[in-house]
Amino acid sequence: MPKRKTEKKEEKQLKKILGILALIIIGVVIGIFLFKGNTKFKYAGLDFDLQYHGEIPIYHTTIPILDQNGNLYKYFNLFFRNDPRDLRKIEVPRFMRIQNNVILAADSDIGACDDGSLAGVLIGQFITIGRSVQVASTNQTYAEETGYDFANCNNVTADTTVIITRKGEENKIIDQNGCYIIQFKECDILKSTERFIVGVLASYNNIIL
């Protein structure tokens, strides 16, 4: 084969390879751009961004904290382990309001769940923002043995909200006249807890989930 034809053939092959490489690079760049774009989203009136702590995905949002005069005091950071959009199947009341006094009551056996402590810390951090909080047990015998207060939905008053965490047949948030029950099946306690918090914030933003 003549030398010139061989060179032209090699040149065409090189251009073809370079073209394929260029397409691959463009595809990678576009993929990275789209991935970064998907790390931020809006849900329930809140702006979320996806962060990674090692290989663990964390969904972060902030809520404004106002002082007694209604002025912005600071922002409070909330971190969720579950994508709030993936928890839509968990039923929540259309309207929820938390009073200035709150009783957090739980079944005595939620400690058997791996995420029980994490869920407790999360709900505690959220509820204590600008509120007076009392911790109690829904099991009267356990409360008497451990020194905890005993509480149930009968403790609701005009200025006191009761929030109960308990096991049940399904993941669900129930409203019983100002007594909110965070119900979870098996050990989905963190999913139900996060859904409850997002539901409360959505209510304050006048958004129906």
N, C-alpha and C. Protein backbone atom coordinates (compact mmCIF):
# COMPACT_ATOMS: atom_id res chain seq x y z
N MET A 1 0.86 -1.19 0.00
CA MET A 1 0.00 0.00 0.00
C MET A 1 0.90 1.25 0.00
N PRO A 2 0.61 2.23 -0.86
CA PRO A 2 1.41 3.46 -0.92
C PRO A 2 1.46 4.13 0.45
N LYS A 3 2.57 4.83 0.70
CA LYS A 3 2.79 5.46 1.99
C LYS A 3 1.75 6.53 2.28
N ARG A 4 1.37 7.34 1.26
CA ARG A 4 0.41 8.42 1.46
C ARG A 4 -0.95 7.89 1.87
N LYS A 5 -1.41 6.78 1.24
CA LYS A 5 -2.69 6.19 1.58
C LYS A 5 -2.68 5.66 3.01
N THR A 6 -1.55 5.07 3.38
CA THR A 6 -1.42 4.54 4.74
C THR A 6 -1.51 5.66 5.76
N GLU A 7 -0.82 6.79 5.45
CA GLU A 7 -0.85 7.93 6.36
C GLU A 7 -2.26 8.51 6.49
N LYS A 8 -2.99 8.59 5.35
CA LYS A 8 -4.35 9.10 5.38
C LYS A 8 -5.26 8.21 6.20
N LYS A 9 -5.06 6.90 6.03
CA LYS A 9 -5.88 5.95 6.78
C LYS A 9 -5.64 6.08 8.27
N GLU A 10 -4.35 6.19 8.65
CA GLU A 10 -4.00 6.34 10.06
C GLU A 10 -4.53 7.66 10.61
N GLU A 11 -4.49 8.71 9.74
CA GLU A 11 -5.00 10.02 10.16
C GLU A 11 -6.50 9.97 10.43
N LYS A 12 -7.24 9.26 9.58
CA LYS A 12 -8.68 9.11 9.77
C LYS A 12 -8.98 8.35 11.05
N GLN A 13 -8.21 7.28 11.29
CA GLN A 13 -8.41 6.49 12.50
C GLN A 13 -8.14 7.32 13.76
N LEU A 14 -7.04 8.16 13.67
CA LEU A 14 -6.69 9.00 14.80
C LEU A 14 -7.79 10.03 15.08
N LYS A 15 -8.32 10.63 13.99
CA LYS A 15 -9.41 11.59 14.15
C LYS A 15 -10.64 10.92 14.77
N LYS A 16 -10.90 9.69 14.35
CA LYS A 16 -12.05 8.95 14.87
C LYS A 16 -11.88 8.69 16.37
N ILE A 17 -10.64 8.26 16.75
CA ILE A 17 -10.37 7.98 18.16
C ILE A 17 -10.49 9.25 18.99
N LEU A 18 -9.90 10.36 18.45
CA LEU A 18 -9.96 11.63 19.17
C LEU A 18 -11.41 12.11 19.31
N GLY A 19 -12.20 11.87 18.28
CA GLY A 19 -13.62 12.25 18.33
C GLY A 19 -14.36 11.48 19.40
N ILE A 20 -14.08 10.18 19.49
CA ILE A 20 -14.73 9.34 20.51
C ILE A 20 -14.31 9.79 21.90
N LEU A 21 -13.00 10.08 22.08
CA LEU A 21 -12.50 10.54 23.37
C LEU A 21 -13.15 11.87 23.77
N ALA A 22 -13.32 12.76 22.77
CA ALA A 22 -13.95 14.05 23.04
C ALA A 22 -15.39 13.87 23.51
N LEU A 23 -16.11 12.94 22.87
CA LEU A 23 -17.49 12.66 23.27
C LEU A 23 -17.56 12.10 24.69
N ILE A 24 -16.59 11.23 24.99
CA ILE A 24 -16.55 10.65 26.34
C ILE A 24 -16.32 11.73 27.38
N ILE A 25 -15.35 12.62 27.11
CA ILE A 25 -15.04 13.71 28.04
C ILE A 25 -16.24 14.62 28.24
N ILE A 26 -16.90 14.97 27.12
CA ILE A 26 -18.09 15.82 27.20
C ILE A 26 -19.17 15.14 28.03
N GLY A 27 -19.35 13.84 27.80
CA GLY A 27 -20.35 13.09 28.56
C GLY A 27 -20.06 13.07 30.05
N VAL A 28 -18.77 12.91 30.39
CA VAL A 28 -18.37 12.90 31.80
C VAL A 28 -18.64 14.26 32.43
N VAL A 29 -18.27 15.34 31.72
CA VAL A 29 -18.48 16.69 32.23
C VAL A 29 -19.96 16.97 32.45
N ILE A 30 -20.77 16.60 31.47
CA ILE A 30 -22.22 16.79 31.59
C ILE A 30 -22.78 15.98 32.76
N GLY A 31 -22.28 14.74 32.90
CA GLY A 31 -22.74 13.88 34.00
C GLY A 31 -22.41 14.48 35.35
N ILE A 32 -21.19 15.02 35.48
CA ILE A 32 -20.78 15.66 36.74
C ILE A 32 -21.65 16.87 37.02
N PHE A 33 -21.91 17.66 35.96
CA PHE A 33 -22.74 18.86 36.11
C PHE A 33 -24.15 18.49 36.58
N LEU A 34 -24.72 17.46 35.94
CA LEU A 34 -26.07 17.05 36.31
C LEU A 34 -26.11 16.49 37.72
N PHE A 35 -25.05 15.75 38.09
CA PHE A 35 -25.01 15.17 39.43
C PHE A 35 -24.96 16.27 40.49
N LYS A 36 -24.12 17.29 40.24
CA LYS A 36 -24.02 18.40 41.17
C LYS A 36 -25.34 19.15 41.25
N GLY A 37 -26.01 19.26 40.11
CA GLY A 37 -27.29 19.95 40.10
C GLY A 37 -28.33 19.22 40.91
N ASN A 38 -28.23 17.90 40.95
CA ASN A 38 -29.21 17.08 41.67
C ASN A 38 -28.93 17.01 43.17
N THR A 39 -27.81 17.61 43.62
CA THR A 39 -27.53 17.58 45.05
C THR A 39 -28.32 18.66 45.79
N LYS A 40 -28.97 19.54 45.09
CA LYS A 40 -29.79 20.58 45.71
C LYS A 40 -31.22 20.45 45.20
N PHE A 41 -32.17 20.53 46.11
CA PHE A 41 -33.57 20.44 45.71
C PHE A 41 -34.44 21.13 46.76
N LYS A 42 -35.66 21.43 46.39
CA LYS A 42 -36.61 22.08 47.28
C LYS A 42 -37.76 21.11 47.56
N TYR A 43 -38.12 21.00 48.82
CA TYR A 43 -39.22 20.12 49.21
C TYR A 43 -39.84 20.64 50.49
N ALA A 44 -41.17 20.66 50.54
CA ALA A 44 -41.93 21.11 51.73
C ALA A 44 -41.58 22.54 52.10
N GLY A 45 -41.20 23.34 51.11
CA GLY A 45 -40.84 24.73 51.37
C GLY A 45 -39.44 24.89 51.93
N LEU A 46 -38.66 23.82 51.93
CA LEU A 46 -37.31 23.84 52.48
C LEU A 46 -36.29 23.60 51.37
N ASP A 47 -35.14 24.21 51.50
CA ASP A 47 -34.04 24.00 50.55
C ASP A 47 -33.10 22.96 51.13
N PHE A 48 -32.97 21.85 50.42
CA PHE A 48 -32.09 20.76 50.86
C PHE A 48 -30.85 20.69 49.98
N ASP A 49 -29.76 20.23 50.58
CA ASP A 49 -28.57 19.90 49.79
C ASP A 49 -28.02 18.58 50.29
N LEU A 50 -27.58 17.78 49.35
CA LEU A 50 -27.05 16.45 49.67
C LEU A 50 -25.56 16.55 49.96
N GLN A 51 -25.17 16.06 51.12
CA GLN A 51 -23.76 16.04 51.52
C GLN A 51 -23.35 14.60 51.80
N TYR A 52 -22.06 14.36 51.76
CA TYR A 52 -21.56 13.02 52.08
C TYR A 52 -20.56 13.11 53.23
N HIS A 53 -20.82 12.32 54.26
CA HIS A 53 -19.88 12.17 55.36
C HIS A 53 -19.25 10.80 55.18
N GLY A 54 -18.10 10.78 54.51
CA GLY A 54 -17.55 9.51 54.07
C GLY A 54 -18.43 8.99 52.94
N GLU A 55 -18.98 7.81 53.12
CA GLU A 55 -19.90 7.25 52.12
C GLU A 55 -21.35 7.39 52.55
N ILE A 56 -21.60 8.06 53.67
CA ILE A 56 -22.96 8.19 54.19
C ILE A 56 -23.61 9.45 53.64
N PRO A 57 -24.73 9.32 52.91
CA PRO A 57 -25.43 10.51 52.41
C PRO A 57 -26.20 11.20 53.53
N ILE A 58 -26.09 12.51 53.59
CA ILE A 58 -26.78 13.32 54.59
C ILE A 58 -27.55 14.42 53.86
N TYR A 59 -28.82 14.58 54.22
CA TYR A 59 -29.65 15.61 53.61
C TYR A 59 -29.78 16.77 54.59
N HIS A 60 -29.25 17.91 54.18
CA HIS A 60 -29.13 19.07 55.06
C HIS A 60 -30.09 20.18 54.66
N THR A 61 -30.69 20.81 55.66
CA THR A 61 -31.51 21.99 55.43
C THR A 61 -31.35 22.92 56.62
N THR A 62 -31.77 24.15 56.47
CA THR A 62 -31.70 25.12 57.57
C THR A 62 -33.08 25.73 57.78
N ILE A 63 -33.37 26.08 59.02
CA ILE A 63 -34.63 26.77 59.32
C ILE A 63 -34.30 28.04 60.08
N PRO A 64 -34.99 29.13 59.79
CA PRO A 64 -34.71 30.40 60.46
C PRO A 64 -35.24 30.40 61.89
N ILE A 65 -34.48 30.97 62.80
CA ILE A 65 -34.89 31.12 64.19
C ILE A 65 -35.10 32.61 64.44
N LEU A 66 -36.28 32.96 64.92
CA LEU A 66 -36.62 34.35 65.17
C LEU A 66 -36.54 34.68 66.66
N ASP A 67 -36.19 35.93 66.97
CA ASP A 67 -36.16 36.34 68.36
C ASP A 67 -37.57 36.75 68.82
N GLN A 68 -37.69 37.25 70.03
CA GLN A 68 -39.00 37.59 70.58
C GLN A 68 -39.70 38.71 69.80
N ASN A 69 -38.91 39.51 69.07
CA ASN A 69 -39.49 40.60 68.28
C ASN A 69 -39.80 40.20 66.85
N GLY A 70 -39.60 38.91 66.54
CA GLY A 70 -39.90 38.43 65.20
C GLY A 70 -38.79 38.67 64.19
N ASN A 71 -37.61 39.07 64.69
CA ASN A 71 -36.48 39.30 63.80
C ASN A 71 -35.61 38.04 63.71
N LEU A 72 -34.96 37.89 62.56
CA LEU A 72 -34.10 36.73 62.36
C LEU A 72 -32.95 36.73 63.36
N TYR A 73 -32.84 35.66 64.13
CA TYR A 73 -31.79 35.54 65.14
C TYR A 73 -30.62 34.72 64.61
N LYS A 74 -30.95 33.56 64.04
CA LYS A 74 -29.92 32.70 63.45
C LYS A 74 -30.60 31.61 62.64
N TYR A 75 -29.81 30.77 61.99
CA TYR A 75 -30.33 29.62 61.26
C TYR A 75 -29.95 28.34 62.01
N PHE A 76 -30.90 27.42 62.05
CA PHE A 76 -30.66 26.14 62.72
C PHE A 76 -30.50 25.06 61.66
N ASN A 77 -29.44 24.27 61.79
CA ASN A 77 -29.15 23.21 60.82
C ASN A 77 -29.85 21.91 61.20
N LEU A 78 -30.48 21.31 60.22
CA LEU A 78 -31.09 19.99 60.40
C LEU A 78 -30.45 19.01 59.41
N PHE A 79 -30.15 17.82 59.90
CA PHE A 79 -29.51 16.81 59.06
C PHE A 79 -30.34 15.53 59.10
N PHE A 80 -30.71 15.04 57.92
CA PHE A 80 -31.52 13.83 57.80
C PHE A 80 -30.73 12.73 57.10
N ARG A 81 -30.98 11.50 57.51
CA ARG A 81 -30.34 10.36 56.86
C ARG A 81 -31.10 9.89 55.63
N ASN A 82 -32.38 10.23 55.55
CA ASN A 82 -33.22 9.79 54.43
C ASN A 82 -33.61 10.97 53.55
N ASP A 83 -33.69 10.71 52.26
CA ASP A 83 -34.18 11.73 51.33
C ASP A 83 -35.65 11.98 51.67
N PRO A 84 -36.01 13.20 52.06
CA PRO A 84 -37.40 13.46 52.47
C PRO A 84 -38.42 13.15 51.38
N ARG A 85 -37.99 13.20 50.12
CA ARG A 85 -38.91 12.89 49.02
C ARG A 85 -39.25 11.42 48.97
N ASP A 86 -38.36 10.59 49.51
CA ASP A 86 -38.60 9.14 49.51
C ASP A 86 -39.53 8.71 50.64
N LEU A 87 -39.89 9.63 51.52
CA LEU A 87 -40.75 9.31 52.67
C LEU A 87 -42.19 9.74 52.45
N ARG A 88 -42.53 10.08 51.20
CA ARG A 88 -43.86 10.62 50.90
C ARG A 88 -44.98 9.64 51.23
N LYS A 89 -44.69 8.36 51.21
CA LYS A 89 -45.75 7.37 51.46
C LYS A 89 -46.16 7.33 52.93
N ILE A 90 -45.34 7.91 53.80
CA ILE A 90 -45.70 7.94 55.22
C ILE A 90 -46.74 9.04 55.42
N GLU A 91 -47.91 8.65 55.85
CA GLU A 91 -49.03 9.59 56.00
C GLU A 91 -48.78 10.57 57.14
N VAL A 92 -49.05 11.86 56.86
CA VAL A 92 -48.93 12.90 57.88
C VAL A 92 -50.20 13.73 57.91
N PRO A 93 -50.56 14.30 59.06
CA PRO A 93 -51.72 15.19 59.12
C PRO A 93 -51.50 16.41 58.22
N ARG A 94 -52.58 16.98 57.72
CA ARG A 94 -52.47 18.13 56.82
C ARG A 94 -52.02 19.38 57.54
N PHE A 95 -52.29 19.46 58.83
CA PHE A 95 -51.97 20.67 59.57
C PHE A 95 -51.46 20.28 60.96
N MET A 96 -50.25 20.74 61.30
CA MET A 96 -49.68 20.43 62.61
C MET A 96 -49.08 21.69 63.22
N ARG A 97 -49.36 21.89 64.49
CA ARG A 97 -48.78 23.01 65.22
C ARG A 97 -48.27 22.51 66.57
N ILE A 98 -47.08 22.93 66.93
CA ILE A 98 -46.48 22.52 68.19
C ILE A 98 -46.52 23.69 69.16
N GLN A 99 -47.08 23.48 70.35
CA GLN A 99 -47.20 24.53 71.36
C GLN A 99 -45.84 24.80 72.02
N ASN A 100 -45.81 25.83 72.86
CA ASN A 100 -44.56 26.20 73.52
C ASN A 100 -44.10 25.18 74.55
N ASN A 101 -45.04 24.42 75.09
CA ASN A 101 -44.70 23.35 76.03
C ASN A 101 -44.92 22.00 75.35
N VAL A 102 -43.93 21.14 75.44
CA VAL A 102 -44.00 19.85 74.74
C VAL A 102 -43.61 18.72 75.68
N ILE A 103 -44.36 17.64 75.61
CA ILE A 103 -44.01 16.42 76.32
C ILE A 103 -43.62 15.39 75.26
N LEU A 104 -42.37 14.93 75.32
CA LEU A 104 -41.90 13.87 74.42
C LEU A 104 -42.00 12.55 75.17
N ALA A 105 -42.89 11.69 74.73
CA ALA A 105 -43.10 10.40 75.40
C ALA A 105 -42.85 9.26 74.41
N ALA A 106 -42.29 8.18 74.90
CA ALA A 106 -41.95 7.06 74.01
C ALA A 106 -42.20 5.73 74.68
N ASP A 107 -42.40 4.70 73.85
CA ASP A 107 -42.48 3.34 74.36
C ASP A 107 -41.13 2.96 74.96
N SER A 108 -41.15 2.12 75.96
CA SER A 108 -39.91 1.74 76.64
C SER A 108 -39.02 0.84 75.79
N ASP A 109 -39.55 0.25 74.72
CA ASP A 109 -38.77 -0.72 73.94
C ASP A 109 -38.16 -0.13 72.68
N ILE A 110 -38.25 1.20 72.46
CA ILE A 110 -37.68 1.74 71.24
C ILE A 110 -36.16 1.69 71.26
N GLY A 111 -35.59 1.51 72.44
CA GLY A 111 -34.14 1.41 72.53
C GLY A 111 -33.59 0.18 71.86
N ALA A 112 -34.46 -0.78 71.56
CA ALA A 112 -34.01 -1.99 70.87
C ALA A 112 -33.69 -1.73 69.41
N CYS A 113 -34.13 -0.60 68.87
CA CYS A 113 -33.86 -0.25 67.48
C CYS A 113 -32.53 0.47 67.36
N ASP A 114 -31.75 0.10 66.34
CA ASP A 114 -30.42 0.69 66.16
C ASP A 114 -30.49 2.21 66.01
N ASP A 115 -31.53 2.70 65.33
CA ASP A 115 -31.66 4.14 65.08
C ASP A 115 -32.45 4.87 66.16
N GLY A 116 -32.79 4.16 67.24
CA GLY A 116 -33.60 4.76 68.28
C GLY A 116 -32.95 5.98 68.91
N SER A 117 -31.68 5.88 69.24
CA SER A 117 -30.97 6.99 69.86
C SER A 117 -30.84 8.17 68.90
N LEU A 118 -30.52 7.86 67.65
CA LEU A 118 -30.37 8.91 66.64
C LEU A 118 -31.68 9.66 66.43
N ALA A 119 -32.78 8.91 66.38
CA ALA A 119 -34.09 9.53 66.21
C ALA A 119 -34.44 10.39 67.43
N GLY A 120 -34.07 9.91 68.62
CA GLY A 120 -34.34 10.66 69.83
C GLY A 120 -33.58 11.98 69.87
N VAL A 121 -32.32 11.94 69.46
CA VAL A 121 -31.51 13.17 69.43
C VAL A 121 -32.08 14.15 68.41
N LEU A 122 -32.47 13.64 67.25
CA LEU A 122 -32.99 14.50 66.18
C LEU A 122 -34.28 15.20 66.61
N ILE A 123 -35.24 14.45 67.13
CA ILE A 123 -36.51 15.05 67.53
C ILE A 123 -36.29 16.00 68.72
N GLY A 124 -35.35 15.65 69.60
CA GLY A 124 -35.06 16.50 70.74
C GLY A 124 -34.48 17.83 70.31
N GLN A 125 -33.51 17.80 69.39
CA GLN A 125 -32.90 19.04 68.90
C GLN A 125 -33.93 19.93 68.23
N PHE A 126 -34.80 19.32 67.46
CA PHE A 126 -35.79 20.09 66.72
C PHE A 126 -36.84 20.71 67.64
N ILE A 127 -37.38 19.91 68.54
CA ILE A 127 -38.48 20.36 69.39
C ILE A 127 -38.03 21.40 70.41
N THR A 128 -36.79 21.32 70.88
CA THR A 128 -36.34 22.24 71.93
C THR A 128 -36.08 23.65 71.42
N ILE A 129 -36.20 23.89 70.12
CA ILE A 129 -35.96 25.23 69.59
C ILE A 129 -37.08 26.16 70.08
N GLY A 130 -36.77 26.98 71.07
CA GLY A 130 -37.73 27.95 71.58
C GLY A 130 -38.87 27.37 72.39
N ARG A 131 -38.73 26.12 72.85
CA ARG A 131 -39.81 25.48 73.60
C ARG A 131 -39.30 24.86 74.89
N SER A 132 -40.23 24.65 75.81
CA SER A 132 -39.94 23.92 77.04
C SER A 132 -40.33 22.47 76.81
N VAL A 133 -39.41 21.55 77.06
CA VAL A 133 -39.63 20.14 76.73
C VAL A 133 -39.47 19.26 77.96
N GLN A 134 -40.41 18.35 78.12
CA GLN A 134 -40.38 17.36 79.20
C GLN A 134 -40.33 15.98 78.57
N VAL A 135 -39.44 15.12 79.07
CA VAL A 135 -39.30 13.76 78.55
C VAL A 135 -40.06 12.80 79.46
N ALA A 136 -40.81 11.88 78.85
CA ALA A 136 -41.63 10.95 79.63
C ALA A 136 -41.70 9.59 78.95
N SER A 137 -42.34 8.66 79.60
CA SER A 137 -42.55 7.31 79.06
C SER A 137 -44.05 7.03 78.97
N THR A 138 -44.44 6.27 77.97
CA THR A 138 -45.84 5.88 77.83
C THR A 138 -46.15 4.62 78.63
N ASN A 139 -45.10 4.02 79.19
CA ASN A 139 -45.26 2.81 80.00
C ASN A 139 -45.20 3.21 81.48
N GLN A 140 -46.32 3.12 82.16
CA GLN A 140 -46.39 3.60 83.53
C GLN A 140 -45.48 2.81 84.46
N THR A 141 -45.43 1.51 84.29
CA THR A 141 -44.57 0.67 85.13
C THR A 141 -43.10 1.04 84.93
N TYR A 142 -42.71 1.18 83.67
CA TYR A 142 -41.33 1.56 83.36
C TYR A 142 -41.01 2.94 83.93
N ALA A 143 -41.96 3.86 83.83
CA ALA A 143 -41.75 5.20 84.36
C ALA A 143 -41.53 5.17 85.87
N GLU A 144 -42.31 4.37 86.58
CA GLU A 144 -42.18 4.28 88.04
C GLU A 144 -40.84 3.64 88.42
N GLU A 145 -40.38 2.66 87.64
CA GLU A 145 -39.13 1.97 87.95
C GLU A 145 -37.91 2.83 87.66
N THR A 146 -37.99 3.68 86.65
CA THR A 146 -36.83 4.46 86.22
C THR A 146 -36.84 5.91 86.70
N GLY A 147 -37.98 6.36 87.21
CA GLY A 147 -38.06 7.74 87.66
C GLY A 147 -38.52 8.71 86.60
N TYR A 148 -38.83 8.19 85.41
CA TYR A 148 -39.37 9.06 84.36
C TYR A 148 -40.81 9.44 84.68
N ASP A 149 -41.26 10.54 84.10
CA ASP A 149 -42.68 10.89 84.19
C ASP A 149 -43.47 9.99 83.26
N PHE A 150 -44.70 9.76 83.61
CA PHE A 150 -45.61 8.99 82.75
C PHE A 150 -46.50 9.98 82.01
N ALA A 151 -46.69 9.75 80.71
CA ALA A 151 -47.53 10.66 79.92
C ALA A 151 -48.19 9.92 78.77
N ASN A 152 -49.35 10.40 78.37
CA ASN A 152 -50.04 9.91 77.18
C ASN A 152 -50.83 11.07 76.59
N CYS A 153 -51.72 10.79 75.67
CA CYS A 153 -52.46 11.85 74.99
C CYS A 153 -53.38 12.63 75.93
N ASN A 154 -53.66 12.09 77.10
CA ASN A 154 -54.50 12.81 78.06
C ASN A 154 -53.80 14.03 78.65
N ASN A 155 -52.49 14.14 78.43
CA ASN A 155 -51.74 15.27 78.97
C ASN A 155 -51.77 16.50 78.07
N VAL A 156 -52.45 16.43 76.94
CA VAL A 156 -52.56 17.58 76.05
C VAL A 156 -53.38 18.68 76.71
N THR A 157 -52.91 19.93 76.62
CA THR A 157 -53.66 21.09 77.11
C THR A 157 -53.61 22.17 76.03
N ALA A 158 -54.19 23.31 76.33
CA ALA A 158 -54.23 24.40 75.36
C ALA A 158 -52.83 24.90 75.00
N ASP A 159 -51.88 24.76 75.93
CA ASP A 159 -50.53 25.23 75.64
C ASP A 159 -49.48 24.12 75.72
N THR A 160 -49.94 22.87 75.71
CA THR A 160 -49.02 21.73 75.79
C THR A 160 -49.31 20.71 74.69
N THR A 161 -48.30 20.40 73.91
CA THR A 161 -48.39 19.36 72.88
C THR A 161 -47.71 18.10 73.38
N VAL A 162 -48.33 16.97 73.13
CA VAL A 162 -47.72 15.68 73.46
C VAL A 162 -47.30 14.98 72.17
N ILE A 163 -46.07 14.52 72.13
CA ILE A 163 -45.56 13.78 70.97
C ILE A 163 -45.13 12.41 71.45
N ILE A 164 -45.78 11.40 70.92
CA ILE A 164 -45.53 10.02 71.34
C ILE A 164 -44.87 9.23 70.21
N THR A 165 -43.84 8.49 70.54
CA THR A 165 -43.18 7.60 69.58
C THR A 165 -43.48 6.16 69.98
N ARG A 166 -44.04 5.39 69.05
CA ARG A 166 -44.41 4.03 69.39
C ARG A 166 -44.35 3.12 68.17
N LYS A 167 -44.28 1.81 68.42
CA LYS A 167 -44.34 0.83 67.34
C LYS A 167 -45.78 0.62 66.90
N GLY A 168 -45.95 0.21 65.63
CA GLY A 168 -47.28 -0.04 65.12
C GLY A 168 -47.23 -0.91 63.88
N GLU A 169 -48.36 -1.02 63.22
CA GLU A 169 -48.47 -1.87 62.03
C GLU A 169 -47.88 -1.21 60.78
N GLU A 170 -47.76 0.13 60.79
CA GLU A 170 -47.25 0.84 59.63
C GLU A 170 -46.58 2.14 60.07
N ASN A 171 -45.76 2.68 59.16
CA ASN A 171 -45.17 3.98 59.40
C ASN A 171 -46.24 5.04 59.15
N LYS A 172 -46.50 5.87 60.16
CA LYS A 172 -47.61 6.80 60.04
C LYS A 172 -47.52 7.86 61.14
N ILE A 173 -47.94 9.08 60.81
CA ILE A 173 -48.03 10.14 61.81
C ILE A 173 -49.50 10.40 62.07
N ILE A 174 -49.92 10.30 63.33
CA ILE A 174 -51.32 10.40 63.71
C ILE A 174 -51.54 11.64 64.58
N ASP A 175 -52.62 12.33 64.32
CA ASP A 175 -53.00 13.49 65.13
C ASP A 175 -54.25 13.14 65.93
N GLN A 176 -54.12 13.13 67.26
CA GLN A 176 -55.26 12.90 68.14
C GLN A 176 -55.49 14.15 68.99
N ASN A 177 -56.11 15.14 68.34
CA ASN A 177 -56.46 16.39 69.04
C ASN A 177 -55.26 17.06 69.71
N GLY A 178 -54.21 17.24 68.93
CA GLY A 178 -53.02 17.91 69.47
C GLY A 178 -52.00 16.97 70.09
N CYS A 179 -52.31 15.70 70.09
CA CYS A 179 -51.35 14.68 70.51
C CYS A 179 -50.86 14.00 69.23
N TYR A 180 -49.58 14.14 68.93
CA TYR A 180 -49.04 13.58 67.69
C TYR A 180 -48.30 12.28 67.99
N ILE A 181 -48.69 11.26 67.25
CA ILE A 181 -48.10 9.93 67.44
C ILE A 181 -47.20 9.61 66.25
N ILE A 182 -45.91 9.45 66.53
CA ILE A 182 -44.96 9.03 65.51
C ILE A 182 -44.91 7.52 65.55
N GLN A 183 -45.61 6.90 64.64
CA GLN A 183 -45.72 5.44 64.64
C GLN A 183 -44.77 4.84 63.60
N PHE A 184 -44.10 3.77 63.98
CA PHE A 184 -43.17 3.13 63.05
C PHE A 184 -43.31 1.62 63.11
N LYS A 185 -43.14 0.98 61.98
CA LYS A 185 -43.17 -0.48 61.94
C LYS A 185 -41.74 -1.01 62.03
N GLU A 186 -41.62 -2.21 62.55
CA GLU A 186 -40.31 -2.83 62.71
C GLU A 186 -39.39 -1.83 63.40
N CYS A 187 -38.32 -1.37 62.73
CA CYS A 187 -37.43 -0.38 63.35
C CYS A 187 -37.24 0.83 62.43
N ASP A 188 -38.29 1.23 61.74
CA ASP A 188 -38.22 2.41 60.86
C ASP A 188 -38.41 3.70 61.65
N ILE A 189 -37.93 3.74 62.86
CA ILE A 189 -38.17 4.89 63.73
C ILE A 189 -37.59 6.17 63.17
N LEU A 190 -36.42 6.10 62.51
CA LEU A 190 -35.80 7.31 61.99
C LEU A 190 -36.59 7.87 60.81
N LYS A 191 -37.11 6.98 59.96
CA LYS A 191 -37.90 7.43 58.82
C LYS A 191 -39.15 8.16 59.28
N SER A 192 -39.86 7.59 60.24
CA SER A 192 -41.09 8.22 60.73
C SER A 192 -40.79 9.53 61.45
N THR A 193 -39.69 9.55 62.19
CA THR A 193 -39.31 10.77 62.91
C THR A 193 -38.98 11.89 61.95
N GLU A 194 -38.21 11.59 60.92
CA GLU A 194 -37.84 12.60 59.94
C GLU A 194 -39.06 13.08 59.16
N ARG A 195 -39.97 12.16 58.87
CA ARG A 195 -41.20 12.54 58.18
C ARG A 195 -42.04 13.49 59.04
N PHE A 196 -42.09 13.22 60.33
CA PHE A 196 -42.83 14.09 61.24
C PHE A 196 -42.25 15.50 61.25
N ILE A 197 -40.94 15.62 61.36
CA ILE A 197 -40.29 16.92 61.41
C ILE A 197 -40.54 17.70 60.13
N VAL A 198 -40.37 17.04 58.99
CA VAL A 198 -40.62 17.71 57.70
C VAL A 198 -42.10 18.11 57.60
N GLY A 199 -42.99 17.25 58.11
CA GLY A 199 -44.42 17.55 58.09
C GLY A 199 -44.76 18.79 58.90
N VAL A 200 -44.13 18.93 60.07
CA VAL A 200 -44.36 20.11 60.91
C VAL A 200 -43.87 21.36 60.18
N LEU A 201 -42.69 21.30 59.60
CA LEU A 201 -42.14 22.45 58.89
C LEU A 201 -42.98 22.80 57.67
N ALA A 202 -43.50 21.78 56.99
CA ALA A 202 -44.37 22.04 55.84
C ALA A 202 -45.64 22.75 56.28
N SER A 203 -46.17 22.36 57.44
CA SER A 203 -47.38 23.02 57.95
C SER A 203 -47.13 24.49 58.23
N TYR A 204 -45.97 24.79 58.80
CA TYR A 204 -45.63 26.19 59.08
C TYR A 204 -45.43 26.98 57.80
N ASN A 205 -45.07 26.27 56.72
CA ASN A 205 -44.92 26.93 55.42
C ASN A 205 -46.20 26.88 54.60
N ASN A 206 -47.30 26.39 55.25
CA ASN A 206 -48.60 26.28 54.58
C ASN A 206 -48.54 25.41 53.33
N ILE A 207 -47.79 24.34 53.42
CA ILE A 207 -47.67 23.40 52.32
C ILE A 207 -48.24 22.06 52.74
N ILE A 208 -49.09 21.49 51.89
CA ILE A 208 -49.68 20.18 52.18
C ILE A 208 -48.83 19.11 51.52
N LEU A 209 -48.36 18.17 52.32
CA LEU A 209 -47.53 17.07 51.78
C LEU A 209 -48.41 15.97 51.21
